[in-house]
Protein backbone atom coordinates (compact mmCIF):
# COMPACT_ATOMS: atom_id res chain seq x y z
CA MET A 1 0.00 0.00 0.00
CA MET A 2 1.33 3.43 -0.93
CA ASP A 3 1.43 6.36 1.49
CA PRO A 4 -1.69 8.56 1.52
CA VAL A 5 -1.85 10.58 -1.65
CA GLU A 6 -1.69 14.31 -1.01
CA VAL A 7 -3.55 16.03 -3.76
CA ILE A 8 -3.68 19.50 -5.21
CA GLY A 9 -6.73 21.07 -6.49
CA GLN A 10 -9.44 20.38 -9.02
CA TRP A 11 -9.17 19.16 -12.54
CA VAL A 12 -6.25 17.05 -13.53
CA TRP A 13 -4.37 14.29 -11.65
CA THR A 14 -0.94 15.02 -13.13
CA SER A 15 2.10 13.26 -11.86
CA LEU A 16 3.63 10.10 -13.13
CA ARG A 17 7.33 9.62 -12.59
CA LEU A 18 9.23 9.43 -15.84
CA ARG A 19 11.06 6.30 -14.87
CA GLN A 20 7.71 4.48 -14.62
CA LEU A 21 6.83 5.65 -18.11
CA LYS A 22 10.14 4.31 -19.45
CA ASN A 23 9.22 0.77 -18.37
CA ALA A 24 9.08 -1.28 -21.56
CA HIS A 25 7.30 -4.26 -20.08
CA SER A 26 4.37 -3.06 -18.05
CA SER A 27 1.96 -0.20 -17.63
CA THR A 28 0.29 0.90 -14.42
CA SER A 29 -3.40 1.04 -13.66
CA LEU A 30 -4.69 2.77 -10.56
CA GLY A 31 -7.48 1.76 -8.20
CA LEU A 32 -8.76 2.59 -4.74
CA ASP A 33 -7.62 0.28 -1.90
CA PHE A 34 -7.42 -3.40 -2.86
CA LYS A 35 -11.05 -3.91 -3.70
CA GLU A 36 -12.97 -3.10 -6.84
CA LYS A 37 -15.10 0.04 -6.70
CA THR A 38 -18.66 0.11 -7.90
CA SER A 39 -20.07 2.75 -10.24
CA SER A 40 -21.75 4.42 -7.25
CA ASP A 41 -18.37 4.68 -5.51
CA ILE A 42 -16.85 6.30 -8.58
CA SER A 43 -19.76 8.70 -8.91
CA ARG A 44 -19.43 9.68 -5.25
CA LEU A 45 -15.73 10.44 -5.68
CA SER A 46 -16.28 12.32 -8.92
CA ASN A 47 -18.95 14.55 -7.41
CA GLN A 48 -17.37 15.39 -4.08
CA ASP A 49 -16.77 19.12 -3.59
CA SER A 50 -13.79 18.81 -1.25
CA TYR A 51 -10.60 16.89 -1.76
CA ASN A 52 -9.84 14.06 0.66
CA PRO A 53 -6.03 13.69 1.01
CA ASN A 54 -6.36 10.36 2.84
CA ILE A 55 -7.60 8.33 -0.11
CA ARG A 56 -5.13 5.51 -0.58
CA LEU A 57 -4.11 4.08 -3.91
CA VAL A 58 -2.53 0.84 -4.98
CA GLN A 59 -0.65 0.13 -8.19
CA ARG A 60 -1.50 -2.96 -10.22
CA HIS A 61 0.65 -4.00 -13.15
CA CYS A 62 -0.78 -5.30 -16.38
CA PRO A 63 0.64 -6.15 -19.83
CA ALA A 64 1.84 -3.01 -21.55
CA GLY A 65 0.17 -3.42 -24.93
CA LEU A 66 1.60 -0.20 -26.36
CA SER A 67 4.92 -0.34 -24.50
CA ALA A 68 6.80 -1.37 -27.63
CA LEU A 69 6.12 1.97 -29.32
CA ARG A 70 9.22 4.03 -29.95
CA PRO A 71 9.75 6.76 -27.34
CA ALA A 72 9.50 9.70 -29.77
CA HIS A 73 5.99 11.20 -29.84
CA ARG A 74 4.85 8.50 -27.46
CA GLU A 75 1.21 8.96 -26.51
CA ARG A 76 -0.44 6.89 -23.77
CA THR A 77 -4.01 7.14 -22.62
CA ARG A 78 -5.28 5.88 -19.27
CA ARG A 79 -8.61 5.88 -17.49
CA ILE A 80 -8.25 7.66 -14.16
CA ILE A 81 -10.72 6.81 -11.44
CA ALA A 82 -10.96 10.48 -10.54
CA ASN A 83 -12.47 12.20 -13.51
CA PHE A 84 -10.72 11.93 -16.85
CA THR A 85 -8.39 10.28 -19.33
CA TRP A 86 -5.08 11.75 -20.38
CA ALA A 87 -2.34 11.39 -22.97
CA LEU A 88 1.41 11.90 -22.69
CA ASN A 89 3.56 13.37 -25.43
CA ASP A 90 7.14 12.79 -24.36
CA THR A 91 10.27 13.55 -26.39
CA SER A 92 12.02 14.94 -23.33
CA ILE A 93 15.20 14.43 -21.42
CA PRO A 94 14.42 12.60 -18.14
CA ASN A 95 13.72 14.67 -15.00
CA PHE A 96 12.72 17.86 -16.80
CA HIS A 97 9.67 19.56 -15.33
CA PRO A 98 6.43 18.57 -17.09
CA ARG A 99 3.74 20.73 -18.66
CA LEU A 100 0.00 20.11 -18.31
CA TRP A 101 -2.57 21.11 -20.87
CA LEU A 102 -6.13 21.65 -19.69
CA LYS A 103 -8.31 21.63 -22.74
CA ASP A 104 -11.42 23.67 -23.07
CA SER A 105 -14.27 21.95 -24.89
CA GLY A 106 -14.05 18.86 -27.05
CA SER A 107 -11.22 16.37 -26.66
CA LYS A 108 -7.52 16.28 -25.80
CA ARG A 109 -7.07 15.30 -29.47
CA ASN A 110 -7.61 19.00 -30.28
CA TRP A 111 -4.22 19.69 -28.72
CA ASN A 112 -2.23 16.73 -30.04
CA THR A 113 -0.25 18.52 -32.76
CA LEU A 114 0.62 21.46 -30.52
CA ALA A 115 1.50 19.19 -27.59
CA LYS A 116 3.93 17.16 -29.69
CA GLY A 117 5.48 20.34 -31.04
CA PHE A 118 5.94 21.78 -27.56
CA SER A 119 7.45 18.55 -26.28
CA GLU A 120 10.01 18.59 -29.09
CA SER A 121 10.85 22.29 -28.75
CA LEU A 122 10.99 22.48 -24.95
CA GLN A 123 12.28 18.93 -24.34
CA VAL A 124 9.73 18.33 -21.58
CA PRO A 125 6.87 15.83 -21.22
CA ILE A 126 3.45 17.25 -22.10
CA TYR A 127 0.27 15.81 -20.61
CA THR A 128 -3.01 16.60 -22.36
CA LEU A 129 -6.09 15.99 -20.24
CA ASP A 130 -9.72 15.23 -20.90
CA LEU A 131 -11.55 16.91 -18.03
CA ARG A 132 -14.81 15.53 -16.68
CA ASN A 133 -17.56 15.57 -19.32
CA HIS A 134 -14.97 16.01 -22.07
CA GLY A 135 -13.46 13.63 -24.58
CA THR A 136 -13.38 10.07 -23.29
CA SER A 137 -13.50 11.01 -19.60
CA PRO A 138 -16.48 10.06 -17.43
CA HIS A 139 -19.69 12.07 -17.61
CA VAL A 140 -20.87 13.46 -14.27
CA SER A 141 -23.48 16.02 -13.25
CA LYS A 142 -21.25 18.43 -11.31
CA MET A 143 -18.92 20.81 -13.16
CA SER A 144 -17.87 23.43 -10.63
CA TYR A 145 -14.35 24.81 -11.01
CA THR A 146 -13.52 23.50 -7.55
CA ASN A 147 -14.50 19.98 -8.63
CA MET A 148 -12.40 20.22 -11.76
CA ALA A 149 -9.37 21.80 -10.08
CA HIS A 150 -9.30 19.02 -7.50
CA ASP A 151 -9.35 16.45 -10.29
CA VAL A 152 -6.21 18.04 -11.71
CA LEU A 153 -4.46 18.30 -8.38
CA GLU A 154 -5.11 14.61 -7.76
CA PHE A 155 -3.60 13.81 -11.13
CA ILE A 156 -0.46 15.83 -10.36
CA GLU A 157 0.27 14.31 -6.98
CA LYS A 158 -0.78 10.83 -7.96
CA ARG A 159 2.03 10.81 -10.51
CA GLY A 160 4.61 12.48 -8.29
CA LEU A 161 4.90 15.53 -10.53
CA HIS A 162 6.30 18.80 -9.23
CA GLN A 163 7.22 22.23 -10.57
CA THR A 164 4.58 21.85 -13.27
CA THR A 165 3.50 24.42 -15.84
CA ILE A 166 -0.24 24.38 -16.48
CA ILE A 167 -1.75 25.73 -19.70
CA GLY A 168 -5.50 26.11 -20.00
CA HIS A 169 -7.80 27.63 -22.61
CA SER A 170 -11.24 29.10 -21.90
CA MET A 171 -12.95 26.89 -19.31
CA GLY A 172 -9.66 25.01 -18.96
CA GLY A 173 -8.02 28.34 -18.19
CA LYS A 174 -10.48 28.96 -15.37
CA VAL A 175 -9.73 25.51 -14.02
CA ALA A 176 -6.01 26.27 -14.14
CA MET A 177 -6.55 29.54 -12.26
CA ALA A 178 -8.80 27.86 -9.69
CA LEU A 179 -6.07 25.29 -9.14
CA ALA A 180 -3.40 27.96 -8.66
CA LEU A 181 -5.59 29.77 -6.12
CA ASP A 182 -6.67 26.65 -4.21
CA PRO A 183 -5.72 26.82 -0.49
CA TYR A 184 -4.19 23.35 -0.73
CA LEU A 185 -1.23 24.84 -2.62
CA ASP A 186 -0.29 26.84 0.47
CA THR A 187 1.20 23.63 1.87
CA ARG A 188 2.38 22.20 -1.47
CA GLN A 189 4.14 25.12 -3.11
CA ASN A 190 6.44 22.92 -5.20
CA LEU A 191 3.58 21.48 -7.25
CA LEU A 192 2.92 24.44 -9.53
CA LYS A 193 5.63 26.62 -11.05
CA ASN A 194 4.09 28.52 -13.99
CA LEU A 195 0.62 29.30 -15.28
CA ILE A 196 -0.46 30.06 -18.87
CA VAL A 197 -4.09 31.12 -19.37
CA VAL A 198 -5.51 31.44 -22.88
CA ASP A 199 -8.30 33.95 -23.58
CA ILE A 200 -10.20 33.90 -20.32
CA ALA A 201 -10.23 36.09 -17.20
CA PRO A 202 -10.95 35.12 -13.57
CA ASN A 203 -14.30 36.88 -13.54
CA ARG A 204 -17.84 35.95 -12.63
CA ALA A 205 -19.97 36.57 -15.69
CA GLY A 206 -22.42 34.79 -17.89
CA VAL A 207 -21.19 32.57 -20.68
CA SER A 208 -20.74 34.53 -23.92
CA PRO A 209 -23.39 34.50 -26.67
CA GLU A 210 -20.77 32.89 -28.92
CA PHE A 211 -20.43 29.90 -26.59
CA HIS A 212 -24.20 29.63 -26.22
CA SER A 213 -24.52 29.49 -30.01
CA TYR A 214 -21.94 26.70 -30.26
CA MET A 215 -23.81 24.64 -27.66
CA GLU A 216 -27.12 25.27 -29.44
CA ALA A 217 -25.58 24.10 -32.71
CA MET A 218 -24.28 20.92 -31.08
CA LEU A 219 -27.69 20.20 -29.61
CA ARG A 220 -29.30 20.64 -33.03
CA ILE A 221 -26.76 18.34 -34.68
CA GLU A 222 -27.66 15.55 -32.26
CA ARG A 223 -31.41 16.16 -32.27
CA LYS A 224 -31.63 16.25 -36.06
CA LYS A 225 -29.97 12.82 -36.09
CA LEU A 226 -27.38 13.74 -38.69
CA LYS A 227 -24.97 11.06 -39.82
CA THR A 228 -21.90 12.63 -41.44
CA ARG A 229 -19.35 15.27 -40.52
CA LYS A 230 -20.29 17.23 -43.65
CA GLU A 231 -23.94 17.38 -42.61
CA ALA A 232 -22.88 18.58 -39.17
CA SER A 233 -20.52 21.19 -40.64
CA ASP A 234 -23.27 22.49 -42.94
CA LEU A 235 -25.60 22.97 -39.97
CA LEU A 236 -22.82 24.51 -37.88
CA SER A 237 -22.13 27.02 -40.68
CA ASN A 238 -25.35 28.78 -39.67
CA PHE A 239 -23.65 29.61 -36.36
CA GLU A 240 -19.96 29.87 -37.34
CA LYS A 241 -18.75 31.00 -40.77
CA ASP A 242 -15.04 30.24 -40.29
CA PRO A 243 -14.42 26.70 -41.66
CA SER A 244 -11.28 26.21 -39.53
CA ILE A 245 -13.24 26.93 -36.33
CA ARG A 246 -16.03 24.61 -37.47
CA ALA A 247 -13.49 21.86 -38.07
CA PHE A 248 -12.04 22.43 -34.61
CA LEU A 249 -15.46 22.27 -32.95
CA LEU A 250 -16.25 19.03 -34.76
CA THR A 251 -13.07 17.19 -33.77
CA ASN A 252 -14.94 15.38 -31.00
CA LEU A 253 -17.97 14.45 -33.13
CA GLU A 254 -18.37 10.71 -33.62
CA THR A 255 -20.10 10.03 -36.93
CA ALA A 256 -22.70 7.31 -37.53
CA THR A 257 -21.67 3.66 -37.37
CA SER A 258 -23.43 0.34 -37.78
CA GLU A 259 -23.91 0.22 -33.99
CA ARG A 260 -24.95 3.89 -33.69
CA PRO A 261 -26.98 5.17 -36.66
CA TYR A 262 -26.55 8.88 -35.87
CA ALA A 263 -23.66 11.24 -35.18
CA LYS A 264 -23.01 12.10 -31.54
CA PHE A 265 -20.55 14.30 -29.67
CA GLN A 266 -18.21 12.72 -27.13
CA ILE A 267 -19.09 15.45 -24.66
CA PRO A 268 -22.52 15.30 -22.94
CA VAL A 269 -24.00 18.34 -24.67
CA ASP A 270 -27.18 18.36 -22.56
CA THR A 271 -25.26 18.22 -19.27
CA ILE A 272 -22.82 20.96 -20.24
CA THR A 273 -25.68 23.17 -21.42
CA GLU A 274 -27.35 22.75 -18.02
CA CYS A 275 -24.06 23.64 -16.29
CA LEU A 276 -23.52 26.90 -18.22
CA PRO A 277 -24.30 29.06 -15.14
CA GLU A 278 -21.51 27.27 -13.22
CA ILE A 279 -19.15 27.55 -16.20
CA GLY A 280 -19.67 31.32 -16.18
CA ASN A 281 -18.82 31.51 -12.47
CA PHE A 282 -15.47 31.63 -10.62
CA PRO A 283 -14.90 30.26 -7.09
CA TYR A 284 -12.83 33.10 -5.58
CA THR A 285 -12.82 36.85 -5.08
CA PRO A 286 -9.63 38.97 -5.19
CA GLU A 287 -9.88 39.55 -1.44
CA GLU A 288 -9.75 35.80 -0.76
CA ARG A 289 -6.80 34.43 -2.70
CA VAL A 290 -3.64 35.52 -4.58
CA TRP A 291 -1.08 33.44 -6.48
CA GLN A 292 2.37 35.02 -6.74
CA GLY A 293 3.78 32.68 -9.39
CA ARG A 294 4.67 33.87 -12.87
CA THR A 295 1.60 33.89 -15.11
CA LEU A 296 1.07 34.53 -18.82
CA PHE A 297 -2.31 35.54 -20.23
CA ILE A 298 -2.77 35.21 -24.01
CA LYS A 299 -5.70 37.15 -25.46
CA GLY A 300 -7.38 36.95 -28.85
CA SER A 301 -7.69 40.53 -30.10
CA ARG A 302 -11.13 39.90 -31.60
CA SER A 303 -12.38 38.06 -28.52
CA LYS A 304 -14.23 39.70 -25.63
CA TYR A 305 -13.38 37.07 -23.02
CA ILE A 306 -10.56 39.27 -21.65
CA ASN A 307 -11.83 42.85 -21.46
CA ARG A 308 -11.54 46.02 -19.38
CA HIS A 309 -13.53 44.38 -16.58
CA GLY A 310 -11.33 41.29 -16.43
CA ILE A 311 -7.89 42.90 -16.58
CA PRO A 312 -8.08 44.41 -13.04
CA LEU A 313 -9.08 40.98 -11.72
CA MET A 314 -6.10 39.40 -13.46
CA LYS A 315 -3.83 41.90 -11.71
CA SER A 316 -5.45 41.28 -8.32
CA PHE A 317 -5.36 37.47 -8.43
CA PHE A 318 -2.05 37.15 -10.32
CA PRO A 319 0.18 40.19 -9.64
CA ASN A 320 3.19 38.58 -11.34
CA HIS A 321 1.51 38.33 -14.76
CA SER A 322 2.10 39.47 -18.33
CA LEU A 323 -0.41 39.81 -21.18
CA ARG A 324 0.16 39.00 -24.86
CA GLU A 325 -2.33 39.52 -27.67
CA LEU A 326 -2.70 37.68 -30.98
CA ASN A 327 -4.89 38.59 -33.95
CA THR A 328 -7.52 35.91 -33.37
CA GLY A 329 -10.94 35.25 -31.97
CA HIS A 330 -11.50 33.05 -28.92
CA LEU A 331 -9.86 29.88 -30.33
CA VAL A 332 -6.38 31.40 -30.23
CA HIS A 333 -4.39 28.17 -30.51
CA ALA A 334 -6.56 26.86 -33.37
CA GLU A 335 -6.62 30.08 -35.42
CA ARG A 336 -2.92 31.00 -35.07
CA PRO A 337 -1.10 27.84 -33.96
CA VAL A 338 2.35 28.96 -35.13
CA GLU A 339 2.18 32.35 -33.44
CA PHE A 340 0.64 30.79 -30.34
CA LYS A 341 3.48 28.31 -30.08
CA GLU A 342 6.06 31.09 -30.46
CA VAL A 343 4.52 33.13 -27.63
CA VAL A 344 4.44 30.15 -25.26
CA ILE A 345 7.98 29.03 -26.10
CA ARG A 346 9.30 32.58 -25.64
CA PHE A 347 7.66 32.70 -22.22
CA MET A 348 9.13 29.33 -21.26
CA ASP A 349 12.56 30.25 -22.61
CA ASP A 350 12.53 33.38 -20.45
CA LEU A 351 11.80 31.19 -17.46
CA GLY A 352 14.47 28.71 -18.38
CA VAL A 353 14.00 24.95 -18.34
CA GLU A 354 15.39 23.48 -15.16
C-alpha cells in the first residue's frame, strides 16, 4: 500500500514519474484500496466538492500493450478513477519539469499537434487531459471549477509531478486559475511553477453568446440525427462561418456507425448546457486568494473574453503576470497555432528549463 496521496486542487491528476513511463514491459493502472469500486463509488468520488487527502491508492501491473512503441511522440491514454483520461507526449530528457494542458471543450485530441510540437521544442513531457464531461473522460453532473481543479491536483500528486506548468484555454483556463488559487497549494508550493491562461479572465460573468450558439448548434446536430461530418458542418455554418473553427469544434464528433446510426458528440452536450451558469462563475474573489507565481495571459484581439472588466481581476489574483495579444478570436491556438506556439515558447525560454 502506498502512502496517503496528497492532492492538489481540481481538474487534472498530473504526476507520473518518468522512470515508470520508461518501463518497456508493463503499464500501471490505478485503483482505490485493494477492492474493486462500484459505479456508485466512482460517482461519489467524482462529485465530491472537497478533496480528501487520505484516499489511498494501490498500483496494479498489467501487460503493456503499447509499450513497444518508440519513445518519440509516445502517446499513452489511461482511465483515471478520478475524472478523466489523459495522454502523454514525451520527447524529453528525463527529469525535466512537465507541462499540463487543460483543454477547453471537445477532446484532448484537439491539442495533439501542438503538444507534440511543444514537447520537441521544450524537451519536456506534455500531458493533455480530458476533463470531466470532455473527450473520453467520465460524464458526471457536477462541473464546478472547484471539482475540476481538485481532479487536476489529484492527477499531479498521484504521478509524483512537481514544478509543473499548467496551460488552460477558456474553461480550462479557469480551471487552471482555480487550481493555482486553491488553499491546498499553500502547503504544497512545489507542485505548480508557472501558469499560462488562454483567452479567459478570472471573472464571474455569464457565458458569452458565442459559446451559447456553439452549444445550441451541437444540440441541433444531435437532435436532427445527422450522420456525417459534412452534414454537421453544414448545420454549424449557420452559427460559425469560419471553416477552420467549425473543423475544430467538430473534432470530437463521432459520426454514424453500424452500432450507432446517428452522429453524436463525445461530450454530454445536454449536461454541459445545463451547467452553463456554473461555467460562467469563478470560485474566488480577489480579497480571498492571490497566487504570486509567474503567469502569462494570451488574449485573442477579436475576442471579448478578456476585457476592461477582467484585466483588473487578473492583476489582483495574479500580480506577477504578463499579457500577450494575438490577432484571433476566442480559439487562439486553433486560429494562429504557429504564433501561439512562439509566444508560449518565448515565455518558457525566459523562465528557463530546469
